[in-house]
Amino acid sequence: MPRETQQPPPKARKATKADRPAKGAAAKAGTKTKAMGKATSVGRTSRVRPMLTSRAAILALVVCVIALSLAYPLREYVMQRAQISQLQDERARMEANVEELTEREEALGEDAYVEREARGRLHFQYPEETAYIVIRPDSENEEQVDPSEPRDPWFTELWRSVEEADRPDEPL
């Protein structure tokens, strides 16, 4: 078997005019293809551009900084608008209350209104009149308690209920 011989590496050659960039329209076309990353000769591989360049990263960082710097003032603005709306509602309620109290003050200045309120609320009457107050029970099923009947103190009733709870067999 013959032994393969290694060939020495090719010697570096000097650049010639053919290796220099061409001038004119052909040169412009060649630089465009190089700028786009395409290979101009058969032996070269195309250059792949990275997905995130440094310019894009800086732009994204600037956009994030602007967004974060605007977030807090925008939140404060929205909160202040809500507070202003709440205070306007409260002010409207207060003005309505003031109007109601002003009307009541004017009514209390009239003698007929004061007399009507004294008779209705406080059961006032003139000396020659006889007043009757009718108390109606709220419901007929309620047990009527006679106020004249003496009742035991609360602690006696409590103790009696404890004793009844100890005797579950006996009817009430």
Protein backbone atom coordinates (compact mmCIF):
# COMPACT_ATOMS: atom_id res chain seq x y z
CA MET A 1 0.00 0.00 0.00
CA PRO A 2 1.40 3.25 -0.93
CA ARG A 3 1.69 5.79 1.73
CA GLU A 4 -0.13 9.02 1.15
CA THR A 5 2.05 11.98 1.19
CA GLN A 6 1.04 15.22 2.74
CA GLN A 7 1.19 18.23 0.57
CA PRO A 8 2.62 21.40 2.00
CA PRO A 9 0.18 24.25 2.60
CA PRO A 10 -0.17 26.71 -0.26
CA LYS A 11 2.04 29.73 -0.01
CA ALA A 12 0.51 33.07 0.62
CA ARG A 13 0.41 35.11 -2.48
CA LYS A 14 0.47 38.83 -2.83
CA ALA A 15 -2.68 40.75 -3.61
CA THR A 16 -3.06 41.53 -7.26
CA LYS A 17 -5.26 43.95 -9.18
CA ALA A 18 -7.90 41.24 -9.55
CA ASP A 19 -8.22 41.00 -5.77
CA ARG A 20 -8.74 44.74 -5.36
CA PRO A 21 -12.31 46.08 -5.40
CA ALA A 22 -13.53 47.13 -8.80
CA LYS A 23 -14.48 50.68 -9.55
CA GLY A 24 -17.75 51.90 -11.03
CA ALA A 25 -21.14 50.19 -11.35
CA ALA A 26 -19.78 46.71 -10.84
CA ALA A 27 -18.16 47.79 -7.59
CA LYS A 28 -21.41 49.26 -6.31
CA ALA A 29 -23.27 46.07 -7.13
CA GLY A 30 -20.61 44.03 -5.37
CA THR A 31 -20.73 46.17 -2.24
CA LYS A 32 -24.52 45.90 -2.11
CA THR A 33 -24.33 42.16 -2.09
CA LYS A 34 -21.65 42.24 0.59
CA ALA A 35 -23.67 44.67 2.67
CA MET A 36 -26.66 42.37 2.51
CA GLY A 37 -24.57 39.53 3.79
CA LYS A 38 -24.65 37.46 0.61
CA ALA A 39 -21.59 35.74 -0.64
CA THR A 40 -19.92 37.23 -3.68
CA SER A 41 -17.79 34.28 -4.43
CA VAL A 42 -18.49 30.58 -4.40
CA GLY A 43 -16.22 29.70 -1.48
CA ARG A 44 -17.63 32.12 1.11
CA THR A 45 -20.58 31.42 3.41
CA SER A 46 -23.35 33.92 4.02
CA ARG A 47 -23.30 35.90 7.25
CA VAL A 48 -26.40 35.49 9.47
CA ARG A 49 -27.57 38.60 11.27
CA PRO A 50 -28.41 38.15 14.95
CA MET A 51 -32.06 38.49 15.98
CA LEU A 52 -31.38 41.20 18.58
CA THR A 53 -28.83 43.79 17.68
CA SER A 54 -27.33 46.21 20.12
CA ARG A 55 -29.35 49.07 18.62
CA ALA A 56 -32.59 47.13 19.10
CA ALA A 57 -31.66 46.30 22.69
CA ILE A 58 -30.94 49.95 23.46
CA LEU A 59 -34.21 51.00 21.82
CA ALA A 60 -36.14 48.42 23.88
CA LEU A 61 -34.42 49.64 27.04
CA VAL A 62 -35.32 53.27 26.27
CA VAL A 63 -38.96 52.33 25.61
CA CYS A 64 -39.11 50.43 28.92
CA VAL A 65 -37.60 53.36 30.83
CA ILE A 66 -40.12 55.76 29.28
CA ALA A 67 -43.02 53.42 30.07
CA LEU A 68 -41.90 52.99 33.68
CA SER A 69 -41.36 56.72 34.15
CA LEU A 70 -44.91 57.41 32.91
CA ALA A 71 -46.65 54.62 34.87
CA TYR A 72 -46.62 56.26 38.33
CA PRO A 73 -47.82 59.72 37.22
CA LEU A 74 -50.57 58.12 35.15
CA ARG A 75 -51.69 56.06 38.16
CA GLU A 76 -51.71 59.17 40.35
CA TYR A 77 -53.73 61.05 37.73
CA VAL A 78 -56.39 58.32 37.61
CA MET A 79 -56.58 58.18 41.43
CA GLN A 80 -56.92 61.96 41.68
CA ARG A 81 -59.71 61.98 39.09
CA ALA A 82 -61.58 59.35 41.12
CA GLN A 83 -61.09 61.38 44.29
CA ILE A 84 -62.34 64.54 42.58
CA SER A 85 -65.45 62.69 41.42
CA GLN A 86 -66.07 61.38 44.94
CA LEU A 87 -65.69 64.86 46.43
CA GLN A 88 -68.09 66.35 43.86
CA ASP A 89 -70.71 63.74 44.80
CA GLU A 90 -70.19 64.50 48.49
CA ARG A 91 -70.51 68.22 47.81
CA ALA A 92 -73.81 67.67 45.97
CA ARG A 93 -75.15 65.66 48.94
CA MET A 94 -74.06 68.39 51.36
CA GLU A 95 -75.76 71.10 49.28
CA ALA A 96 -78.99 69.06 49.21
CA ASN A 97 -78.74 68.63 52.99
CA VAL A 98 -78.22 72.38 53.46
CA GLU A 99 -81.29 73.12 51.31
CA GLU A 100 -83.38 70.66 53.35
CA LEU A 101 -82.23 72.20 56.63
CA THR A 102 -82.93 75.70 55.33
CA GLU A 103 -86.49 74.66 54.43
CA ARG A 104 -86.92 73.09 57.87
CA GLU A 105 -85.66 76.30 59.53
CA GLU A 106 -88.18 78.36 57.55
CA ALA A 107 -90.96 75.94 58.51
CA LEU A 108 -90.03 76.13 62.20
CA GLY A 109 -90.50 79.88 62.00
CA GLU A 110 -94.23 79.38 61.30
CA ASP A 111 -96.47 79.02 64.35
CA ALA A 112 -98.90 76.60 62.69
CA TYR A 113 -96.09 74.12 61.87
CA VAL A 114 -94.71 74.28 65.43
CA GLU A 115 -98.18 73.65 66.89
CA ARG A 116 -98.78 70.71 64.53
CA GLU A 117 -95.41 69.13 65.47
CA ALA A 118 -96.01 69.64 69.22
CA ARG A 119 -99.44 67.98 69.04
CA GLY A 120 -98.26 65.09 66.81
CA ARG A 121 -94.89 64.24 68.30
CA LEU A 122 -95.06 65.42 71.90
CA HIS A 123 -98.82 64.93 72.47
CA PHE A 124 -99.29 68.47 73.70
CA GLN A 125 -102.84 69.77 74.11
CA TYR A 126 -104.64 72.85 75.19
CA PRO A 127 -105.85 72.91 78.81
CA GLU A 128 -109.54 72.44 77.90
CA GLU A 129 -108.81 69.43 75.62
CA THR A 130 -108.68 65.77 76.62
CA ALA A 131 -106.12 63.59 74.87
CA TYR A 132 -106.48 59.87 74.30
CA ILE A 133 -103.59 57.69 73.24
CA VAL A 134 -104.50 54.33 71.73
CA ILE A 135 -101.79 51.70 71.82
CA ARG A 136 -102.35 48.83 69.46
CA PRO A 137 -100.45 45.56 69.84
CA ASP A 138 -98.10 44.76 66.96
CA SER A 139 -99.45 41.25 66.57
CA GLU A 140 -102.26 39.31 68.17
CA ASN A 141 -100.10 36.19 68.76
CA GLU A 142 -97.78 37.95 71.17
CA GLU A 143 -98.16 37.14 74.80
CA GLN A 144 -99.74 39.98 76.72
CA VAL A 145 -97.65 40.91 79.73
CA ASP A 146 -99.44 42.58 82.58
CA PRO A 147 -97.18 45.30 83.95
CA SER A 148 -98.90 45.17 87.33
CA GLU A 149 -97.93 41.52 87.81
CA PRO A 150 -94.62 41.22 89.71
CA ARG A 151 -91.84 39.43 87.93
CA ASP A 152 -88.86 37.64 89.33
CA PRO A 153 -85.40 39.13 88.81
CA TRP A 154 -83.49 37.97 85.74
CA PHE A 155 -81.06 35.78 87.68
CA THR A 156 -83.95 33.86 89.27
CA GLU A 157 -85.47 33.18 85.86
CA LEU A 158 -82.05 32.10 84.57
CA TRP A 159 -81.58 29.65 87.45
CA ARG A 160 -85.08 28.27 86.93
CA SER A 161 -84.28 27.60 83.21
CA VAL A 162 -81.08 25.76 84.22
CA GLU A 163 -83.03 23.57 86.62
CA GLU A 164 -85.60 22.79 83.92
CA ALA A 165 -82.81 21.80 81.55
CA ASP A 166 -81.56 19.26 84.13
CA ARG A 167 -84.96 17.54 84.13
CA PRO A 168 -85.64 16.64 80.46
CA ASP A 169 -88.03 13.78 81.30
CA GLU A 170 -90.63 15.92 82.99
CA PRO A 171 -93.22 17.68 80.85
CA LEU A 172 -93.24 21.44 80.97
